[in-house]
Amino acid sequence: MAKLEYNLDQIDYQILRIMQDNARTNNADIARELGMAPSAILERVKKLEQKEVILQYNAKINPHALDQKMLSFIFIKAQDIIGVQKVGFLLAEIPEVQEVHDIAGDDGYLIKVRTNDAAGLVDLMRNSLGKIEGIISTRTTIVLETVKEEQKLVIPTKK
């Protein structure tokens, strides 16, 4: 995979800040806020997409509205050797798994999962994780209450 050159300027940062706060902000509104032409904003946004700075547009959905009240983090010790992520790719295929991280230390992976309740978590562990060859052990942390959960990045104010 070729390494992309990002070369972002202050205007790119401003566009990213606005879009990160609300991805539905249209080009005309961004242009008005930055004192630019909408066509210039459109061109910059297209370039940010092409450079893979903007990866996708999402709606943030309240997990409680979908009865996915239980949030857990599971540390997974796997037989994968360094540089091989066979177990990681299999973990990523499980719908309830929101994040898969290949981590340093005794455990090979850290995953973030959402389920309806404890029974859903047990089902996930038995019927999904339990069927992945190469998992040696798991250690689960159940979240009691979330104080902050954010996907926003800190965008530099000047370059």
N, C-alpha and C. Protein backbone atom coordinates (compact mmCIF):
# COMPACT_ATOMS: atom_id res chain seq x y z
N MET A 1 0.85 -1.18 0.00
CA MET A 1 0.00 0.00 0.00
C MET A 1 0.89 1.23 0.00
N ALA A 2 0.66 2.12 -0.93
CA ALA A 2 1.45 3.35 -1.04
C ALA A 2 1.06 4.31 0.08
N LYS A 3 2.07 4.97 0.63
CA LYS A 3 1.83 5.96 1.66
C LYS A 3 1.37 7.25 1.02
N LEU A 4 0.23 7.76 1.50
CA LEU A 4 -0.33 8.99 0.94
C LEU A 4 0.32 10.20 1.57
N GLU A 5 0.51 11.24 0.77
CA GLU A 5 0.99 12.53 1.27
C GLU A 5 -0.24 13.38 1.55
N TYR A 6 -0.40 13.83 2.78
CA TYR A 6 -1.60 14.58 3.14
C TYR A 6 -1.44 16.07 2.89
N ASN A 7 -0.37 16.69 3.32
CA ASN A 7 -0.11 18.12 3.09
C ASN A 7 -1.35 18.99 3.31
N LEU A 8 -1.87 18.98 4.51
CA LEU A 8 -3.07 19.75 4.83
C LEU A 8 -2.70 21.16 5.24
N ASP A 9 -3.52 22.12 4.82
CA ASP A 9 -3.28 23.50 5.22
C ASP A 9 -4.37 23.93 6.21
N GLN A 10 -4.30 25.18 6.62
CA GLN A 10 -5.21 25.71 7.63
C GLN A 10 -6.68 25.63 7.18
N ILE A 11 -6.94 25.87 5.91
CA ILE A 11 -8.32 25.80 5.41
C ILE A 11 -8.83 24.36 5.46
N ASP A 12 -7.97 23.40 5.11
CA ASP A 12 -8.35 21.98 5.22
C ASP A 12 -8.73 21.66 6.67
N TYR A 13 -7.90 22.13 7.61
CA TYR A 13 -8.20 21.89 9.03
C TYR A 13 -9.55 22.49 9.41
N GLN A 14 -9.84 23.70 8.93
CA GLN A 14 -11.12 24.34 9.26
C GLN A 14 -12.29 23.54 8.68
N ILE A 15 -12.14 23.07 7.45
CA ILE A 15 -13.18 22.25 6.83
C ILE A 15 -13.39 20.98 7.63
N LEU A 16 -12.30 20.33 8.01
CA LEU A 16 -12.40 19.09 8.79
C LEU A 16 -13.08 19.33 10.13
N ARG A 17 -12.75 20.44 10.78
CA ARG A 17 -13.37 20.77 12.07
C ARG A 17 -14.89 20.90 11.92
N ILE A 18 -15.30 21.64 10.90
CA ILE A 18 -16.74 21.86 10.66
C ILE A 18 -17.43 20.53 10.34
N MET A 19 -16.83 19.74 9.45
CA MET A 19 -17.46 18.49 9.04
C MET A 19 -17.46 17.45 10.15
N GLN A 20 -16.43 17.48 10.99
CA GLN A 20 -16.40 16.54 12.10
C GLN A 20 -17.52 16.85 13.11
N ASP A 21 -17.81 18.12 13.29
CA ASP A 21 -18.90 18.49 14.19
C ASP A 21 -20.25 18.14 13.60
N ASN A 22 -20.39 18.28 12.27
CA ASN A 22 -21.65 17.95 11.62
C ASN A 22 -21.37 17.63 10.15
N ALA A 23 -21.31 16.35 9.83
CA ALA A 23 -20.98 15.91 8.47
C ALA A 23 -22.06 16.30 7.47
N ARG A 24 -23.23 16.70 7.94
CA ARG A 24 -24.31 17.11 7.05
C ARG A 24 -24.22 18.58 6.65
N THR A 25 -23.24 19.29 7.19
CA THR A 25 -23.07 20.70 6.81
C THR A 25 -22.77 20.75 5.31
N ASN A 26 -23.55 21.53 4.58
CA ASN A 26 -23.36 21.55 3.13
C ASN A 26 -22.23 22.52 2.75
N ASN A 27 -21.78 22.37 1.52
CA ASN A 27 -20.65 23.16 1.02
C ASN A 27 -20.92 24.66 1.07
N ALA A 28 -22.15 25.05 0.79
CA ALA A 28 -22.49 26.48 0.81
C ALA A 28 -22.33 27.05 2.22
N ASP A 29 -22.76 26.30 3.23
CA ASP A 29 -22.63 26.78 4.61
C ASP A 29 -21.16 26.84 5.03
N ILE A 30 -20.39 25.83 4.64
CA ILE A 30 -18.95 25.84 4.95
C ILE A 30 -18.30 27.04 4.26
N ALA A 31 -18.63 27.24 3.00
CA ALA A 31 -18.06 28.35 2.23
C ALA A 31 -18.39 29.68 2.88
N ARG A 32 -19.64 29.85 3.31
CA ARG A 32 -20.05 31.10 3.96
C ARG A 32 -19.26 31.31 5.25
N GLU A 33 -19.10 30.24 6.03
CA GLU A 33 -18.36 30.35 7.30
C GLU A 33 -16.89 30.69 7.07
N LEU A 34 -16.30 30.19 5.99
CA LEU A 34 -14.88 30.41 5.73
C LEU A 34 -14.62 31.55 4.75
N GLY A 35 -15.68 32.14 4.23
CA GLY A 35 -15.52 33.25 3.29
C GLY A 35 -14.96 32.80 1.96
N MET A 36 -15.41 31.66 1.48
CA MET A 36 -14.91 31.11 0.22
C MET A 36 -16.08 30.78 -0.70
N ALA A 37 -15.78 30.42 -1.93
CA ALA A 37 -16.80 29.99 -2.88
C ALA A 37 -17.17 28.53 -2.62
N PRO A 38 -18.46 28.18 -2.75
CA PRO A 38 -18.87 26.78 -2.55
C PRO A 38 -18.13 25.81 -3.47
N SER A 39 -17.82 26.24 -4.70
CA SER A 39 -17.09 25.35 -5.63
C SER A 39 -15.69 25.04 -5.11
N ALA A 40 -15.05 26.01 -4.45
CA ALA A 40 -13.71 25.79 -3.88
C ALA A 40 -13.79 24.79 -2.72
N ILE A 41 -14.85 24.89 -1.93
CA ILE A 41 -15.05 23.95 -0.81
C ILE A 41 -15.30 22.55 -1.36
N LEU A 42 -16.15 22.45 -2.37
CA LEU A 42 -16.42 21.15 -2.99
C LEU A 42 -15.14 20.50 -3.48
N GLU A 43 -14.30 21.28 -4.15
CA GLU A 43 -13.03 20.76 -4.67
C GLU A 43 -12.12 20.29 -3.53
N ARG A 44 -12.05 21.06 -2.45
CA ARG A 44 -11.21 20.68 -1.32
C ARG A 44 -11.73 19.41 -0.64
N VAL A 45 -13.04 19.32 -0.48
CA VAL A 45 -13.63 18.13 0.15
C VAL A 45 -13.34 16.90 -0.70
N LYS A 46 -13.49 17.02 -2.01
CA LYS A 46 -13.17 15.90 -2.92
C LYS A 46 -11.72 15.47 -2.76
N LYS A 47 -10.81 16.44 -2.67
CA LYS A 47 -9.39 16.12 -2.49
C LYS A 47 -9.14 15.45 -1.13
N LEU A 48 -9.83 15.91 -0.10
CA LEU A 48 -9.69 15.29 1.22
C LEU A 48 -10.19 13.84 1.19
N GLU A 49 -11.22 13.58 0.42
CA GLU A 49 -11.71 12.20 0.26
C GLU A 49 -10.71 11.37 -0.53
N GLN A 50 -10.19 11.92 -1.63
CA GLN A 50 -9.23 11.20 -2.47
C GLN A 50 -7.95 10.86 -1.72
N LYS A 51 -7.51 11.80 -0.86
CA LYS A 51 -6.29 11.58 -0.06
C LYS A 51 -6.55 10.67 1.13
N GLU A 52 -7.80 10.23 1.31
CA GLU A 52 -8.21 9.38 2.42
C GLU A 52 -8.02 10.07 3.77
N VAL A 53 -8.19 11.39 3.78
CA VAL A 53 -8.25 12.12 5.04
C VAL A 53 -9.66 11.95 5.59
N ILE A 54 -10.67 12.17 4.75
CA ILE A 54 -12.05 11.86 5.09
C ILE A 54 -12.31 10.45 4.60
N LEU A 55 -12.59 9.55 5.54
CA LEU A 55 -12.75 8.14 5.20
C LEU A 55 -14.20 7.76 4.92
N GLN A 56 -15.13 8.34 5.67
CA GLN A 56 -16.55 8.04 5.47
C GLN A 56 -17.39 9.02 6.27
N TYR A 57 -18.69 8.99 6.00
CA TYR A 57 -19.64 9.84 6.70
C TYR A 57 -20.59 8.92 7.46
N ASN A 58 -20.81 9.21 8.75
CA ASN A 58 -21.64 8.35 9.59
C ASN A 58 -22.67 9.15 10.37
N ALA A 59 -23.71 8.44 10.77
CA ALA A 59 -24.65 8.98 11.75
C ALA A 59 -24.30 8.34 13.09
N LYS A 60 -24.22 9.13 14.13
CA LYS A 60 -23.96 8.60 15.46
C LYS A 60 -25.30 8.19 16.07
N ILE A 61 -25.48 6.91 16.31
CA ILE A 61 -26.76 6.37 16.77
C ILE A 61 -26.65 6.01 18.24
N ASN A 62 -27.66 6.36 19.00
CA ASN A 62 -27.71 6.04 20.41
C ASN A 62 -27.88 4.53 20.58
N PRO A 63 -26.90 3.83 21.16
CA PRO A 63 -27.00 2.37 21.29
C PRO A 63 -28.20 1.93 22.14
N HIS A 64 -28.62 2.76 23.08
CA HIS A 64 -29.78 2.41 23.92
C HIS A 64 -31.06 2.37 23.09
N ALA A 65 -31.13 3.18 22.05
CA ALA A 65 -32.31 3.18 21.18
C ALA A 65 -32.46 1.85 20.46
N LEU A 66 -31.35 1.13 20.31
CA LEU A 66 -31.36 -0.18 19.64
C LEU A 66 -31.23 -1.32 20.65
N ASP A 67 -31.44 -1.00 21.92
CA ASP A 67 -31.38 -1.97 23.01
C ASP A 67 -30.00 -2.64 23.12
N GLN A 68 -28.96 -1.89 22.77
CA GLN A 68 -27.59 -2.39 22.92
C GLN A 68 -26.98 -1.68 24.12
N LYS A 69 -27.47 -2.06 25.28
CA LYS A 69 -27.14 -1.34 26.51
C LYS A 69 -25.81 -1.77 27.13
N MET A 70 -25.34 -2.97 26.81
CA MET A 70 -24.11 -3.46 27.45
C MET A 70 -22.90 -3.21 26.57
N LEU A 71 -21.95 -2.48 27.12
CA LEU A 71 -20.67 -2.20 26.46
C LEU A 71 -19.60 -2.97 27.21
N SER A 72 -18.78 -3.69 26.47
CA SER A 72 -17.70 -4.48 27.07
C SER A 72 -16.43 -4.35 26.25
N PHE A 73 -15.32 -4.50 26.94
CA PHE A 73 -14.02 -4.58 26.29
C PHE A 73 -13.46 -5.96 26.62
N ILE A 74 -12.97 -6.66 25.61
CA ILE A 74 -12.47 -8.01 25.80
C ILE A 74 -11.02 -8.07 25.32
N PHE A 75 -10.15 -8.45 26.24
CA PHE A 75 -8.75 -8.69 25.91
C PHE A 75 -8.66 -10.14 25.46
N ILE A 76 -8.02 -10.36 24.33
CA ILE A 76 -7.95 -11.70 23.76
C ILE A 76 -6.50 -12.11 23.55
N LYS A 77 -6.15 -13.23 24.16
CA LYS A 77 -4.83 -13.81 23.91
C LYS A 77 -5.00 -14.80 22.76
N ALA A 78 -4.18 -14.65 21.73
CA ALA A 78 -4.32 -15.46 20.52
C ALA A 78 -3.00 -16.10 20.14
N GLN A 79 -3.09 -17.10 19.29
CA GLN A 79 -1.91 -17.79 18.81
C GLN A 79 -1.24 -17.10 17.63
N ASP A 80 -1.84 -16.02 17.14
CA ASP A 80 -1.26 -15.31 16.00
C ASP A 80 0.19 -14.93 16.31
N ILE A 81 1.05 -15.11 15.31
CA ILE A 81 2.42 -14.64 15.47
C ILE A 81 2.47 -13.17 15.07
N ILE A 82 3.50 -12.48 15.50
CA ILE A 82 3.62 -11.05 15.23
C ILE A 82 3.55 -10.79 13.73
N GLY A 83 2.71 -9.86 13.34
CA GLY A 83 2.55 -9.50 11.94
C GLY A 83 1.45 -10.27 11.22
N VAL A 84 0.94 -11.34 11.84
CA VAL A 84 -0.16 -12.11 11.25
C VAL A 84 -1.40 -11.82 12.08
N GLN A 85 -2.47 -11.40 11.42
CA GLN A 85 -3.67 -10.99 12.15
C GLN A 85 -4.88 -11.86 11.79
N LYS A 86 -4.66 -13.14 11.65
CA LYS A 86 -5.74 -14.05 11.26
C LYS A 86 -6.91 -13.95 12.24
N VAL A 87 -6.63 -14.05 13.53
CA VAL A 87 -7.68 -13.96 14.54
C VAL A 87 -8.32 -12.57 14.50
N GLY A 88 -7.53 -11.53 14.33
CA GLY A 88 -8.05 -10.17 14.27
C GLY A 88 -9.07 -9.98 13.15
N PHE A 89 -8.77 -10.53 11.98
CA PHE A 89 -9.70 -10.40 10.86
C PHE A 89 -10.99 -11.18 11.11
N LEU A 90 -10.89 -12.32 11.78
CA LEU A 90 -12.08 -13.09 12.13
C LEU A 90 -12.92 -12.35 13.17
N LEU A 91 -12.26 -11.71 14.13
CA LEU A 91 -12.97 -10.91 15.13
C LEU A 91 -13.72 -9.76 14.46
N ALA A 92 -13.10 -9.15 13.46
CA ALA A 92 -13.69 -8.00 12.77
C ALA A 92 -14.97 -8.37 12.01
N GLU A 93 -15.16 -9.64 11.72
CA GLU A 93 -16.36 -10.09 11.00
C GLU A 93 -17.58 -10.22 11.90
N ILE A 94 -17.40 -10.19 13.21
CA ILE A 94 -18.52 -10.36 14.15
C ILE A 94 -19.27 -9.03 14.26
N PRO A 95 -20.57 -9.02 13.95
CA PRO A 95 -21.33 -7.76 13.92
C PRO A 95 -21.31 -6.96 15.23
N GLU A 96 -21.33 -7.62 16.36
CA GLU A 96 -21.35 -6.93 17.65
C GLU A 96 -20.00 -6.29 18.01
N VAL A 97 -18.96 -6.68 17.31
CA VAL A 97 -17.62 -6.14 17.57
C VAL A 97 -17.50 -4.81 16.84
N GLN A 98 -17.32 -3.73 17.61
CA GLN A 98 -17.22 -2.40 17.04
C GLN A 98 -15.80 -2.01 16.71
N GLU A 99 -14.84 -2.51 17.47
CA GLU A 99 -13.44 -2.17 17.24
C GLU A 99 -12.58 -3.39 17.51
N VAL A 100 -11.51 -3.53 16.73
CA VAL A 100 -10.51 -4.59 16.95
C VAL A 100 -9.16 -3.91 16.92
N HIS A 101 -8.40 -4.08 18.00
CA HIS A 101 -7.07 -3.48 18.09
C HIS A 101 -6.04 -4.57 18.34
N ASP A 102 -5.00 -4.62 17.52
CA ASP A 102 -3.85 -5.50 17.72
C ASP A 102 -2.96 -4.75 18.70
N ILE A 103 -2.76 -5.29 19.90
CA ILE A 103 -2.09 -4.53 20.96
C ILE A 103 -0.79 -5.18 21.41
N ALA A 104 0.05 -4.37 22.03
CA ALA A 104 1.30 -4.85 22.62
C ALA A 104 0.98 -5.44 23.99
N GLY A 105 1.83 -6.31 24.46
CA GLY A 105 1.64 -6.89 25.79
C GLY A 105 1.24 -8.35 25.71
N ASP A 106 0.76 -8.85 26.83
CA ASP A 106 0.42 -10.27 26.92
C ASP A 106 -0.75 -10.66 26.03
N ASP A 107 -1.71 -9.75 25.91
CA ASP A 107 -2.87 -10.03 25.07
C ASP A 107 -2.56 -9.60 23.64
N GLY A 108 -3.12 -10.29 22.68
CA GLY A 108 -2.88 -9.95 21.29
C GLY A 108 -3.85 -8.93 20.75
N TYR A 109 -5.09 -8.97 21.27
CA TYR A 109 -6.13 -8.09 20.74
C TYR A 109 -6.96 -7.51 21.88
N LEU A 110 -7.50 -6.33 21.61
CA LEU A 110 -8.50 -5.70 22.47
C LEU A 110 -9.68 -5.39 21.56
N ILE A 111 -10.87 -5.89 21.94
CA ILE A 111 -12.05 -5.61 21.14
C ILE A 111 -13.09 -4.88 21.98
N LYS A 112 -13.87 -4.06 21.31
CA LYS A 112 -14.99 -3.34 21.92
C LYS A 112 -16.26 -3.96 21.36
N VAL A 113 -17.16 -4.40 22.25
CA VAL A 113 -18.38 -5.06 21.80
C VAL A 113 -19.61 -4.44 22.47
N ARG A 114 -20.71 -4.44 21.75
CA ARG A 114 -22.00 -4.01 22.30
C ARG A 114 -22.99 -5.14 22.15
N THR A 115 -23.68 -5.44 23.26
CA THR A 115 -24.73 -6.45 23.26
C THR A 115 -25.94 -5.90 24.02
N ASN A 116 -27.04 -6.61 23.94
CA ASN A 116 -28.26 -6.18 24.65
C ASN A 116 -28.09 -6.25 26.16
N ASP A 117 -27.48 -7.35 26.62
CA ASP A 117 -27.38 -7.60 28.05
C ASP A 117 -26.32 -8.67 28.30
N ALA A 118 -26.24 -9.13 29.55
CA ALA A 118 -25.24 -10.15 29.91
C ALA A 118 -25.46 -11.44 29.14
N ALA A 119 -26.71 -11.82 28.93
CA ALA A 119 -27.00 -13.04 28.17
C ALA A 119 -26.49 -12.91 26.74
N GLY A 120 -26.63 -11.73 26.16
CA GLY A 120 -26.12 -11.49 24.81
C GLY A 120 -24.60 -11.58 24.76
N LEU A 121 -23.95 -11.10 25.81
CA LEU A 121 -22.49 -11.18 25.89
C LEU A 121 -22.04 -12.63 26.00
N VAL A 122 -22.72 -13.40 26.84
CA VAL A 122 -22.39 -14.83 26.98
C VAL A 122 -22.58 -15.53 25.64
N ASP A 123 -23.67 -15.23 24.95
CA ASP A 123 -23.94 -15.83 23.64
C ASP A 123 -22.83 -15.48 22.64
N LEU A 124 -22.42 -14.22 22.64
CA LEU A 124 -21.34 -13.77 21.76
C LEU A 124 -20.05 -14.55 22.06
N MET A 125 -19.75 -14.69 23.33
CA MET A 125 -18.50 -15.36 23.70
C MET A 125 -18.55 -16.85 23.36
N ARG A 126 -19.67 -17.48 23.59
CA ARG A 126 -19.78 -18.93 23.30
C ARG A 126 -19.87 -19.21 21.81
N ASN A 127 -20.74 -18.48 21.13
CA ASN A 127 -21.07 -18.84 19.75
C ASN A 127 -20.28 -18.09 18.69
N SER A 128 -19.59 -17.03 19.06
CA SER A 128 -18.76 -16.33 18.08
C SER A 128 -17.29 -16.47 18.43
N LEU A 129 -16.91 -15.94 19.60
CA LEU A 129 -15.50 -16.03 19.99
C LEU A 129 -15.07 -17.47 20.19
N GLY A 130 -15.95 -18.28 20.78
CA GLY A 130 -15.62 -19.68 21.06
C GLY A 130 -15.37 -20.51 19.82
N LYS A 131 -15.81 -20.03 18.68
CA LYS A 131 -15.64 -20.79 17.44
C LYS A 131 -14.43 -20.35 16.63
N ILE A 132 -13.71 -19.34 17.12
CA ILE A 132 -12.53 -18.87 16.40
C ILE A 132 -11.31 -19.66 16.86
N GLU A 133 -10.78 -20.41 15.92
CA GLU A 133 -9.58 -21.19 16.21
C GLU A 133 -8.40 -20.25 16.37
N GLY A 134 -7.65 -20.41 17.41
CA GLY A 134 -6.49 -19.55 17.64
C GLY A 134 -6.65 -18.66 18.85
N ILE A 135 -7.86 -18.58 19.41
CA ILE A 135 -8.04 -17.82 20.65
C ILE A 135 -7.66 -18.73 21.82
N ILE A 136 -6.70 -18.25 22.61
CA ILE A 136 -6.22 -19.02 23.76
C ILE A 136 -7.05 -18.70 25.00
N SER A 137 -7.29 -17.40 25.24
CA SER A 137 -8.06 -17.00 26.41
C SER A 137 -8.63 -15.60 26.21
N THR A 138 -9.61 -15.26 27.06
CA THR A 138 -10.19 -13.93 27.03
C THR A 138 -10.28 -13.38 28.44
N ARG A 139 -10.31 -12.06 28.52
CA ARG A 139 -10.51 -11.36 29.79
C ARG A 139 -11.45 -10.21 29.49
N THR A 140 -12.61 -10.20 30.14
CA THR A 140 -13.66 -9.25 29.80
C THR A 140 -13.84 -8.19 30.87
N THR A 141 -13.98 -6.94 30.43
CA THR A 141 -14.31 -5.83 31.31
C THR A 141 -15.65 -5.28 30.87
N ILE A 142 -16.61 -5.26 31.78
CA ILE A 142 -17.95 -4.74 31.49
C ILE A 142 -18.01 -3.30 31.96
N VAL A 143 -18.49 -2.41 31.10
CA VAL A 143 -18.59 -1.00 31.42
C VAL A 143 -19.86 -0.77 32.24
N LEU A 144 -19.71 -0.15 33.40
CA LEU A 144 -20.87 0.15 34.25
C LEU A 144 -21.57 1.43 33.79
N GLU A 145 -20.79 2.44 33.45
CA GLU A 145 -21.35 3.71 32.98
C GLU A 145 -20.29 4.40 32.13
N THR A 146 -20.72 4.99 31.04
CA THR A 146 -19.81 5.70 30.14
C THR A 146 -19.84 7.18 30.47
N VAL A 147 -18.69 7.74 30.78
CA VAL A 147 -18.56 9.16 31.07
C VAL A 147 -18.36 9.93 29.76
N LYS A 148 -17.53 9.39 28.88
CA LYS A 148 -17.28 10.02 27.58
C LYS A 148 -16.98 8.93 26.58
N GLU A 149 -17.60 9.04 25.42
CA GLU A 149 -17.31 8.14 24.30
C GLU A 149 -17.35 9.00 23.05
N GLU A 150 -16.21 9.19 22.45
CA GLU A 150 -16.09 10.15 21.37
C GLU A 150 -15.19 9.60 20.28
N GLN A 151 -15.53 9.87 19.04
CA GLN A 151 -14.70 9.48 17.91
C GLN A 151 -13.98 10.67 17.29
N LYS A 152 -14.26 11.86 17.79
CA LYS A 152 -13.66 13.06 17.21
C LYS A 152 -12.16 13.11 17.48
N LEU A 153 -11.43 13.57 16.48
CA LEU A 153 -9.98 13.77 16.60
C LEU A 153 -9.70 15.22 16.95
N VAL A 154 -8.57 15.46 17.58
CA VAL A 154 -8.13 16.83 17.83
C VAL A 154 -7.49 17.32 16.53
N ILE A 155 -8.08 18.35 15.95
CA ILE A 155 -7.58 18.90 14.68
C ILE A 155 -6.72 20.12 15.03
N PRO A 156 -5.49 20.17 14.55
CA PRO A 156 -4.60 21.30 14.88
C PRO A 156 -5.22 22.65 14.50
N THR A 157 -4.90 23.66 15.26
CA THR A 157 -5.43 25.00 14.95
C THR A 157 -4.53 25.74 13.98
N LYS A 158 -3.24 25.44 13.97
CA LYS A 158 -2.36 26.06 12.98
C LYS A 158 -1.25 25.08 12.63
N LYS A 159 -0.70 25.29 11.47
CA LYS A 159 0.35 24.40 10.95
C LYS A 159 1.62 25.16 10.75
